[in-house]
């Protein structure tokens, strides 16, 4: 009878222990469910999860590593690492061989004596503070998105199968929340990028001339077609006084808002210099120095700048590393190369000035490399030769119609190959 009563007491104690354990598990799961939602930032969610694991599993440290599919060389990145606040210890390093095991096997890993574990003992340094750890995969629809790991029980106990089960349940509940939060962040970032592109596009459109000014004795047309939402090409026509007009075409490195801001920078610099009476060369010298001071070393601008005077037949110009425009005179074709290096590369760079005479019927063709380097499906470029042939065969065509012919020819050449660079043209014809 006594033995029977003792057995009942033992059974009751065991049942109470089991119930307390179950209650503790429910408590931690409820704690996570009520304090975490996918509208929070990913880092905040991960931080909360790791803190709950450190507290409820009574471990020295915990960490979550998320898989970054964009980085093939380092797919796992530690998002959050937490430790018991009462312990003054350095963060433990989860060895790459151990993370490799998790990536290969994608299943729970429980190790209570790391130094003697046959799978890892040759990978661990003698002074490694990790005695034991428990690691479980974070999964969403059979896809592994990360790893949840806890290290060293604070009371030197071993990790148990119940610990593994609890951590697996936490991982299961947390995975979808983390993934939803990541998707929300990606969506927010995409919306921010789209808004940035919209603002950049609007900024660039406002930088281009609203209309081509009427210049006595000349017909002028210009056009730009962006390869992406935002162009890196730039053109401008600036009235200096009743007789003099400056014109330019440029190619800015980069895309998006940085390119738009650099374009605004160069436009302000050019207009300020030109309207203050600077020559083509002085304008480029000053603009180059300003760009070198105010932009990154990787940001450059190629630019062709010219000034025509309706009181004469001459056009002064200087070319800062841009594709040389073509001057079509009655009996010759000339490339306008005189100038110097691109803007923003070397402070103190010097630029030379060239001059041409524009007689009646002459054409000046300014273009970006998006025309001559346009590729077809066979990887053949449109080429300068084709551009020259079109112009020679249509010399008597008005500039706006000539631009249409050139753009049409480039598109026919490219066929189904997507446009890879911006296309910009300016044509000046002496009547």
Protein backbone atom coordinates (compact mmCIF):
# COMPACT_ATOMS: atom_id res chain seq x y z
CA UNK A 1 0.00 0.00 0.00
CA UNK A 2 2.83 2.35 0.93
CA UNK A 3 4.65 1.56 -2.33
CA UNK A 4 1.46 2.21 -4.23
CA UNK A 5 0.99 5.61 -2.54
CA UNK A 6 4.63 6.53 -3.19
CA UNK A 7 4.20 5.65 -6.86
CA UNK A 8 1.11 7.85 -7.03
CA UNK A 9 3.06 10.70 -5.44
CA UNK A 10 5.88 10.23 -7.96
CA UNK A 11 3.38 10.17 -10.80
CA UNK A 12 1.76 13.34 -9.48
CA UNK A 13 5.11 15.05 -9.17
CA UNK A 14 6.02 14.02 -12.70
CA UNK A 15 2.65 15.19 -14.00
CA UNK A 16 3.03 18.51 -12.18
CA UNK A 17 6.51 18.88 -13.66
CA UNK A 18 5.15 18.11 -17.12
CA UNK A 19 2.30 20.59 -16.66
CA UNK A 20 4.66 23.32 -15.43
CA UNK A 21 6.86 22.69 -18.45
CA UNK A 22 3.86 22.84 -20.78
CA UNK A 23 2.66 26.02 -19.07
CA UNK A 24 6.12 27.55 -19.46
CA UNK A 25 6.12 26.65 -23.15
CA UNK A 26 2.67 28.16 -23.63
CA UNK A 27 3.85 31.26 -21.80
CA UNK A 28 6.84 31.83 -24.06
CA UNK A 29 4.84 31.10 -27.22
CA UNK A 30 2.07 33.46 -26.09
CA UNK A 31 4.70 36.04 -25.16
CA UNK A 32 6.15 35.91 -28.68
CA UNK A 33 2.73 35.89 -30.36
CA UNK A 34 1.46 38.92 -28.42
CA UNK A 35 4.56 41.11 -28.65
CA UNK A 36 5.61 40.48 -32.25
CA UNK A 37 3.83 41.31 -35.50
CA UNK A 38 5.02 41.63 -39.06
CA UNK A 39 4.39 45.39 -39.23
CA UNK A 40 7.43 45.93 -37.03
CA UNK A 41 10.90 46.36 -38.57
CA UNK A 42 12.70 43.08 -39.23
CA UNK A 43 15.53 43.87 -36.83
CA UNK A 44 13.09 44.67 -34.03
CA UNK A 45 11.21 41.41 -34.60
CA UNK A 46 14.39 39.36 -34.62
CA UNK A 47 15.67 41.13 -31.52
CA UNK A 48 12.48 40.31 -29.59
CA UNK A 49 12.55 36.66 -30.65
CA UNK A 50 16.18 36.18 -29.61
CA UNK A 51 15.62 37.93 -26.27
CA UNK A 52 12.65 35.65 -25.49
CA UNK A 53 14.72 32.57 -26.36
CA UNK A 54 17.64 33.67 -24.16
CA UNK A 55 15.27 34.32 -21.26
CA UNK A 56 12.98 31.27 -21.44
CA UNK A 57 15.57 28.65 -22.39
CA UNK A 58 18.03 30.05 -19.82
CA UNK A 59 21.02 30.24 -22.15
CA UNK A 60 24.08 32.47 -22.28
CA UNK A 61 23.54 33.74 -25.81
CA UNK A 62 21.25 33.46 -28.81
CA UNK A 63 21.46 34.53 -32.41
CA UNK A 64 19.41 34.60 -35.58
CA UNK A 65 21.10 34.47 -38.97
CA UNK A 66 19.02 35.20 -42.07
CA UNK A 67 19.77 34.00 -45.58
CA UNK A 68 20.56 36.70 -48.10
CA UNK A 69 19.85 35.19 -51.52
CA UNK A 70 21.53 38.16 -53.24
CA UNK A 71 24.93 37.41 -51.69
CA UNK A 72 26.06 34.02 -52.99
CA UNK A 73 29.50 34.33 -51.36
CA UNK A 74 28.09 34.96 -47.88
CA UNK A 75 24.48 33.75 -47.84
CA UNK A 76 24.03 33.91 -44.04
CA UNK A 77 24.15 37.22 -42.18
CA UNK A 78 23.83 37.57 -38.41
CA UNK A 79 20.88 39.86 -37.85
CA UNK A 80 20.76 39.94 -34.03
CA UNK A 81 22.89 38.47 -31.27
CA UNK A 82 21.72 38.70 -27.63
CA UNK A 83 23.12 37.44 -24.36
CA UNK A 84 22.08 36.99 -20.74
CA UNK A 85 22.28 40.49 -19.26
CA UNK A 86 23.90 39.12 -16.10
CA UNK A 87 26.88 37.67 -17.97
CA UNK A 88 29.90 39.72 -18.95
CA UNK A 89 31.01 37.75 -22.01
CA UNK A 90 31.99 38.47 -25.57
CA UNK A 91 29.66 37.45 -28.43
CA UNK A 92 30.20 33.87 -29.50
CA UNK A 93 31.19 33.25 -33.10
CA UNK A 94 29.09 30.63 -34.83
CA UNK A 95 31.70 28.92 -36.98
CA UNK A 96 31.18 28.86 -40.74
CA UNK A 97 31.47 25.05 -40.75
CA UNK A 98 28.53 24.84 -38.38
CA UNK A 99 26.42 27.20 -40.47
CA UNK A 100 27.47 25.14 -43.48
CA UNK A 101 26.12 22.01 -41.76
CA UNK A 102 22.77 23.74 -41.21
CA UNK A 103 22.61 24.93 -44.81
CA UNK A 104 23.31 21.43 -46.10
CA UNK A 105 21.05 19.46 -43.74
CA UNK A 106 18.36 22.05 -42.95
CA UNK A 107 17.33 20.19 -39.79
CA UNK A 108 17.67 20.77 -36.00
CA UNK A 109 21.16 20.36 -34.59
CA UNK A 110 21.66 19.62 -30.87
CA UNK A 111 25.22 19.37 -29.55
CA UNK A 112 25.90 19.09 -25.80
CA UNK A 113 29.65 18.49 -25.91
CA UNK A 114 31.05 20.38 -28.84
CA UNK A 115 34.70 19.58 -28.17
CA UNK A 116 34.03 15.83 -28.43
CA UNK A 117 31.47 15.85 -31.21
CA UNK A 118 32.94 13.87 -34.11
CA UNK A 119 31.30 16.15 -36.68
CA UNK A 120 32.89 19.33 -35.38
CA UNK A 121 35.75 18.64 -32.98
CA UNK A 122 38.42 19.29 -35.62
CA UNK A 123 36.82 22.62 -36.52
CA UNK A 124 36.79 24.15 -33.04
CA UNK A 125 39.69 26.10 -31.56
CA UNK A 126 40.86 25.12 -28.02
CA UNK A 127 39.75 28.41 -26.42
CA UNK A 128 36.32 28.38 -28.02
CA UNK A 129 33.78 29.30 -25.26
CA UNK A 130 30.92 27.33 -26.86
CA UNK A 131 30.33 24.15 -24.86
CA UNK A 132 26.94 23.31 -26.31
CA UNK A 133 24.39 24.74 -28.67
CA UNK A 134 20.98 24.10 -30.16
CA UNK A 135 20.23 25.27 -33.69
CA UNK A 136 16.99 25.02 -35.67
CA UNK A 137 16.12 26.17 -39.20
CA UNK A 138 13.69 28.99 -39.89
CA UNK A 139 11.37 27.80 -42.65
CA UNK A 140 8.60 29.29 -44.76
CA UNK A 141 6.75 26.87 -47.05
CA UNK A 142 9.62 24.35 -47.05
CA UNK A 143 12.09 27.13 -47.86
CA UNK A 144 14.84 27.82 -45.34
CA UNK A 145 15.16 31.55 -44.63
CA UNK A 146 17.56 31.46 -41.68
CA UNK A 147 18.85 29.80 -38.52
CA UNK A 148 17.87 30.29 -34.85
CA UNK A 149 20.61 29.22 -32.41
CA UNK A 150 21.08 29.30 -28.62
CA UNK A 151 24.41 28.66 -26.86
CA UNK A 152 25.36 27.18 -23.45
CA UNK A 153 22.76 26.66 -20.74
CA UNK A 154 23.49 29.10 -17.90
CA UNK A 155 23.26 26.32 -15.27
CA UNK A 156 25.61 24.03 -17.24
CA UNK A 157 22.74 21.63 -17.97
CA UNK A 158 22.44 19.83 -21.27
CA UNK A 159 19.98 20.83 -23.95
CA UNK A 160 17.11 18.35 -24.04
CA UNK A 161 14.71 17.07 -26.65
CA UNK A 162 12.08 19.31 -25.04
CA UNK A 163 14.34 22.32 -25.59
CA UNK A 164 14.70 21.30 -29.23
CA UNK A 165 10.95 20.88 -29.60
CA UNK A 166 10.27 24.28 -28.01
CA UNK A 167 12.89 26.08 -30.10
CA UNK A 168 11.51 24.40 -33.24
CA UNK A 169 8.00 25.62 -32.37
CA UNK A 170 9.32 29.15 -31.78
CA UNK A 171 11.15 29.01 -35.12
CA UNK A 172 8.02 27.77 -36.86
CA UNK A 173 5.88 30.57 -35.41
CA UNK A 174 8.51 33.24 -36.02
CA UNK A 175 9.54 32.35 -39.58
CA UNK A 176 6.41 33.60 -41.31
CA UNK A 177 6.38 36.79 -39.24
CA UNK A 178 10.03 37.50 -40.16
CA UNK A 179 9.41 36.73 -43.83
CA UNK A 180 6.29 38.93 -43.93
CA UNK A 181 8.26 41.76 -42.31
CA UNK A 182 11.05 41.35 -44.88
CA UNK A 183 8.53 41.46 -47.72
CA UNK A 184 6.94 44.58 -46.24
CA UNK A 185 10.35 46.24 -46.01
CA UNK A 186 11.12 45.30 -49.62
CA UNK A 187 7.78 46.76 -50.67
CA UNK A 188 8.48 49.98 -48.75
CA UNK A 189 11.95 50.20 -50.29
CA UNK A 190 10.48 49.63 -53.76
CA UNK A 191 7.93 52.40 -53.21
CA UNK A 192 10.70 54.70 -52.02
CA UNK A 193 12.78 53.87 -55.10
CA UNK A 194 9.81 54.48 -57.37
CA UNK A 195 9.17 57.83 -55.73
CA UNK A 196 12.86 58.71 -56.03
CA UNK A 197 12.77 57.81 -59.71
CA UNK A 198 9.65 59.90 -60.22
CA UNK A 199 11.26 62.91 -58.53
CA UNK A 200 14.50 62.36 -60.47
CA UNK A 201 12.61 62.12 -63.76
CA UNK A 202 10.68 65.30 -62.96
CA UNK A 203 13.92 67.05 -61.96
CA UNK A 204 15.62 66.09 -65.21
CA UNK A 205 12.65 67.08 -67.32
CA UNK A 206 12.70 70.52 -65.69
CA UNK A 207 16.40 70.88 -66.48
CA UNK A 208 15.92 70.41 -70.22
CA UNK A 209 14.88 73.46 -72.28
CA UNK A 210 11.12 73.92 -72.34
CA UNK A 211 11.43 75.04 -75.95
CA UNK A 212 14.18 75.70 -78.47
CA UNK A 213 14.77 79.46 -78.81
CA UNK A 214 14.41 81.07 -82.22
CA UNK A 215 17.88 81.92 -83.48
CA UNK A 216 17.95 84.08 -86.63
CA UNK A 217 19.59 82.25 -89.52
CA UNK A 218 19.56 78.84 -87.80
CA UNK A 219 17.22 75.88 -87.40
CA UNK A 220 17.76 73.80 -84.26
CA UNK A 221 16.13 70.62 -82.96
CA UNK A 222 16.98 68.40 -80.01
CA UNK A 223 15.62 65.21 -78.47
CA UNK A 224 16.49 62.71 -75.76
CA UNK A 225 15.11 59.20 -75.22
CA UNK A 226 15.88 57.55 -71.89
CA UNK A 227 16.91 53.90 -71.73
CA UNK A 228 15.58 53.76 -68.15
CA UNK A 229 13.18 55.85 -66.12
CA UNK A 230 15.88 58.47 -65.63
CA UNK A 231 18.38 59.59 -68.24
CA UNK A 232 22.07 60.24 -67.79
CA UNK A 233 22.15 62.47 -70.90
CA UNK A 234 21.77 66.24 -70.88
CA UNK A 235 21.42 69.02 -73.42
CA UNK A 236 20.81 72.73 -73.14
CA UNK A 237 20.54 75.92 -75.18
CA UNK A 238 21.28 79.15 -73.32
CA UNK A 239 20.58 82.66 -74.60
CA UNK A 240 23.48 84.90 -73.62
CA UNK A 241 22.24 88.04 -75.36
CA UNK A 242 20.39 88.93 -78.55
CA UNK A 243 23.23 87.70 -80.73
CA UNK A 244 24.98 84.94 -78.80
CA UNK A 245 23.66 81.52 -77.82
CA UNK A 246 25.45 78.74 -75.96
CA UNK A 247 24.55 75.11 -76.60
CA UNK A 248 25.78 71.86 -75.07
CA UNK A 249 25.27 68.12 -74.87
CA UNK A 250 26.54 65.93 -72.05
CA UNK A 251 26.53 62.46 -70.57
CA UNK A 252 26.42 62.12 -66.78
CA UNK A 253 27.63 58.95 -65.06
CA UNK A 254 25.08 57.00 -63.07
CA UNK A 255 21.31 56.86 -63.00
CA UNK A 256 18.48 57.87 -60.70
CA UNK A 257 18.52 60.77 -58.28
CA UNK A 258 22.37 60.97 -58.07
CA UNK A 259 22.54 61.48 -61.84
CA UNK A 260 19.73 64.04 -61.73
CA UNK A 261 21.48 65.97 -58.95
CA UNK A 262 24.80 65.88 -60.82
CA UNK A 263 23.00 67.08 -63.94
CA UNK A 264 21.50 69.97 -61.95
CA UNK A 265 24.95 70.75 -60.59
CA UNK A 266 26.57 70.91 -64.03
CA UNK A 267 23.69 72.94 -65.48
CA UNK A 268 23.91 75.53 -62.71
CA UNK A 269 27.68 75.71 -63.12
CA UNK A 270 27.51 76.11 -66.91
CA UNK A 271 24.76 78.72 -66.88
CA UNK A 272 26.46 80.71 -64.15
CA UNK A 273 29.79 80.76 -65.98
CA UNK A 274 28.38 81.46 -69.44
CA UNK A 275 25.99 84.20 -68.37
CA UNK A 276 28.88 85.89 -66.57
CA UNK A 277 30.73 86.15 -69.86
CA UNK A 278 33.21 83.28 -69.52
CA UNK A 279 34.61 81.73 -72.68
CA UNK A 280 34.02 78.05 -73.52
CA UNK A 281 37.40 77.05 -72.11
CA UNK A 282 37.12 79.10 -68.90
CA UNK A 283 33.62 77.72 -68.37
CA UNK A 284 34.89 74.13 -68.62
CA UNK A 285 37.93 74.83 -66.42
CA UNK A 286 35.79 76.37 -63.67
CA UNK A 287 33.03 73.74 -63.98
CA UNK A 288 35.59 70.93 -63.80
CA UNK A 289 37.14 72.33 -60.61
CA UNK A 290 33.72 72.78 -59.00
CA UNK A 291 32.72 69.20 -59.86
CA UNK A 292 35.99 67.82 -58.50
CA UNK A 293 35.34 69.60 -55.21
CA UNK A 294 31.66 68.76 -54.85
CA UNK A 295 31.24 65.22 -56.23
CA UNK A 296 32.63 61.75 -55.61
CA UNK A 297 35.72 60.63 -57.48
CA UNK A 298 33.60 58.13 -59.45
CA UNK A 299 31.23 60.77 -60.84
CA UNK A 300 32.08 62.26 -64.22
CA UNK A 301 30.49 64.27 -67.03
CA UNK A 302 31.42 64.28 -70.70
CA UNK A 303 30.37 67.56 -72.27
CA UNK A 304 30.54 69.44 -75.55
CA UNK A 305 30.03 73.21 -75.23
CA UNK A 306 29.67 75.67 -78.09
CA UNK A 307 28.75 79.33 -78.58
CA UNK A 308 27.35 80.71 -81.83
CA UNK A 309 27.04 84.36 -82.76
CA UNK A 310 24.34 85.33 -85.22
CA UNK A 311 26.44 88.34 -86.22
CA UNK A 312 29.12 86.09 -87.71
CA UNK A 313 29.55 82.63 -89.24
CA UNK A 314 31.82 81.38 -86.47
CA UNK A 315 31.08 78.93 -83.66
CA UNK A 316 33.55 78.61 -80.80
CA UNK A 317 33.59 75.33 -78.93
CA UNK A 318 35.42 73.09 -76.48
CA UNK A 319 34.96 69.34 -76.03
CA UNK A 320 35.36 67.80 -72.55
CA UNK A 321 35.70 64.13 -73.43
CA UNK A 322 32.39 63.83 -75.28
CA UNK A 323 31.82 61.93 -78.54
CA UNK A 324 33.05 64.46 -81.14
CA UNK A 325 30.15 66.13 -82.96
CA UNK A 326 30.10 66.15 -86.77
CA UNK A 327 30.37 69.35 -88.78
CA UNK A 328 29.01 68.72 -92.26
CA UNK A 329 30.21 71.44 -94.63
CA UNK A 330 29.62 71.42 -98.36
CA UNK A 331 32.77 69.52 -99.25
CA UNK A 332 34.05 68.03 -96.00
CA UNK A 333 33.16 66.31 -92.72
CA UNK A 334 34.98 67.38 -89.57
CA UNK A 335 35.02 65.84 -86.07
CA UNK A 336 35.06 68.49 -83.34
CA UNK A 337 37.61 67.03 -80.91
CA UNK A 338 39.42 70.11 -79.62
CA UNK A 339 39.10 70.50 -75.86
CA UNK A 340 40.32 68.26 -73.03
CA UNK A 341 39.39 65.47 -70.62
CA UNK A 342 35.96 64.82 -69.14
CA UNK A 343 34.71 66.97 -66.25
CA UNK A 344 35.13 65.89 -62.64
CA UNK A 345 38.18 63.68 -63.17
CA UNK A 346 41.19 65.88 -62.42
CA UNK A 347 41.18 69.29 -60.75
CA UNK A 348 43.16 71.94 -62.60
CA UNK A 349 42.63 70.34 -66.02
CA UNK A 350 43.05 72.71 -68.97
CA UNK A 351 40.85 72.92 -72.08
CA UNK A 352 41.51 74.23 -75.57
CA UNK A 353 39.06 76.12 -77.75
CA UNK A 354 38.25 75.31 -81.37
CA UNK A 355 36.39 77.25 -84.05
CA UNK A 356 34.35 76.37 -87.13
CA UNK A 357 32.55 78.46 -89.71
CA UNK A 358 28.90 77.63 -90.35
CA UNK A 359 28.04 78.51 -93.94
CA UNK A 360 24.53 78.25 -95.40
CA UNK A 361 23.47 74.60 -95.61
CA UNK A 362 26.05 73.41 -93.05
CA UNK A 363 24.98 70.97 -90.35
CA UNK A 364 26.33 70.46 -86.82
CA UNK A 365 25.33 67.09 -85.32
CA UNK A 366 25.72 66.58 -81.55
CA UNK A 367 24.94 63.10 -80.27
CA UNK A 368 25.44 60.70 -77.36
CA UNK A 369 27.01 57.25 -77.61
CA UNK A 370 23.58 55.68 -77.10
CA UNK A 371 23.17 56.16 -80.87
CA UNK A 372 26.46 54.91 -82.26
CA UNK A 373 26.79 52.06 -79.71
CA UNK A 374 23.21 50.79 -79.99
CA UNK A 375 23.40 46.98 -80.32
CA UNK A 376 21.35 44.50 -82.32
CA UNK A 377 20.76 40.83 -81.53
CA UNK A 378 24.09 39.94 -83.19
CA UNK A 379 25.95 42.37 -80.89
CA UNK A 380 26.78 44.70 -83.76
CA UNK A 381 26.83 48.42 -83.05
CA UNK A 382 24.89 50.97 -85.07
CA UNK A 383 28.26 52.75 -85.63
CA UNK A 384 29.33 56.25 -86.62
CA UNK A 385 29.50 55.16 -90.25
CA UNK A 386 25.75 54.48 -90.40
CA UNK A 387 25.03 57.78 -88.67
CA UNK A 388 27.19 59.64 -91.19
CA UNK A 389 25.51 57.90 -94.13
CA UNK A 390 22.03 58.89 -92.92
CA UNK A 391 23.09 62.52 -92.50
CA UNK A 392 24.81 62.67 -95.90
CA UNK A 393 21.70 61.26 -97.59
CA UNK A 394 19.42 63.74 -95.82
CA UNK A 395 21.47 66.93 -95.65
CA UNK A 396 18.61 69.06 -96.96
CA UNK A 397 16.15 67.71 -94.39
CA UNK A 398 15.06 69.98 -91.54
CA UNK A 399 16.70 69.14 -88.17
CA UNK A 400 13.55 67.84 -86.46
CA UNK A 401 12.78 65.45 -89.34
CA UNK A 402 16.43 64.38 -89.55
CA UNK A 403 16.34 63.48 -85.84
CA UNK A 404 13.27 61.32 -86.51
CA UNK A 405 15.07 59.52 -89.35
CA UNK A 406 18.12 58.83 -87.20
CA UNK A 407 16.09 57.55 -84.24
CA UNK A 408 14.01 55.35 -86.53
CA UNK A 409 17.15 53.89 -88.09
CA UNK A 410 18.64 53.15 -84.65
CA UNK A 411 15.46 51.38 -83.52
CA UNK A 412 15.29 49.35 -86.74
CA UNK A 413 18.92 48.35 -86.23
CA UNK A 414 18.33 47.29 -82.62
CA UNK A 415 15.15 45.38 -83.42
CA UNK A 416 14.03 43.42 -80.35
CA UNK A 417 17.23 44.18 -78.41
CA UNK A 418 16.33 46.46 -75.48
CA UNK A 419 17.75 49.99 -75.51
CA UNK A 420 20.77 49.88 -73.19
CA UNK A 421 21.79 53.55 -73.17
CA UNK A 422 20.19 56.95 -73.48
CA UNK A 423 19.79 58.42 -76.97
CA UNK A 424 20.29 62.17 -77.32
CA UNK A 425 20.61 64.32 -80.44
CA UNK A 426 20.95 68.00 -81.20
CA UNK A 427 21.12 69.23 -84.79
CA UNK A 428 21.98 72.81 -85.74
CA UNK A 429 21.53 73.88 -89.37
CA UNK A 430 22.64 77.16 -90.92
CA UNK A 431 19.86 78.30 -93.20
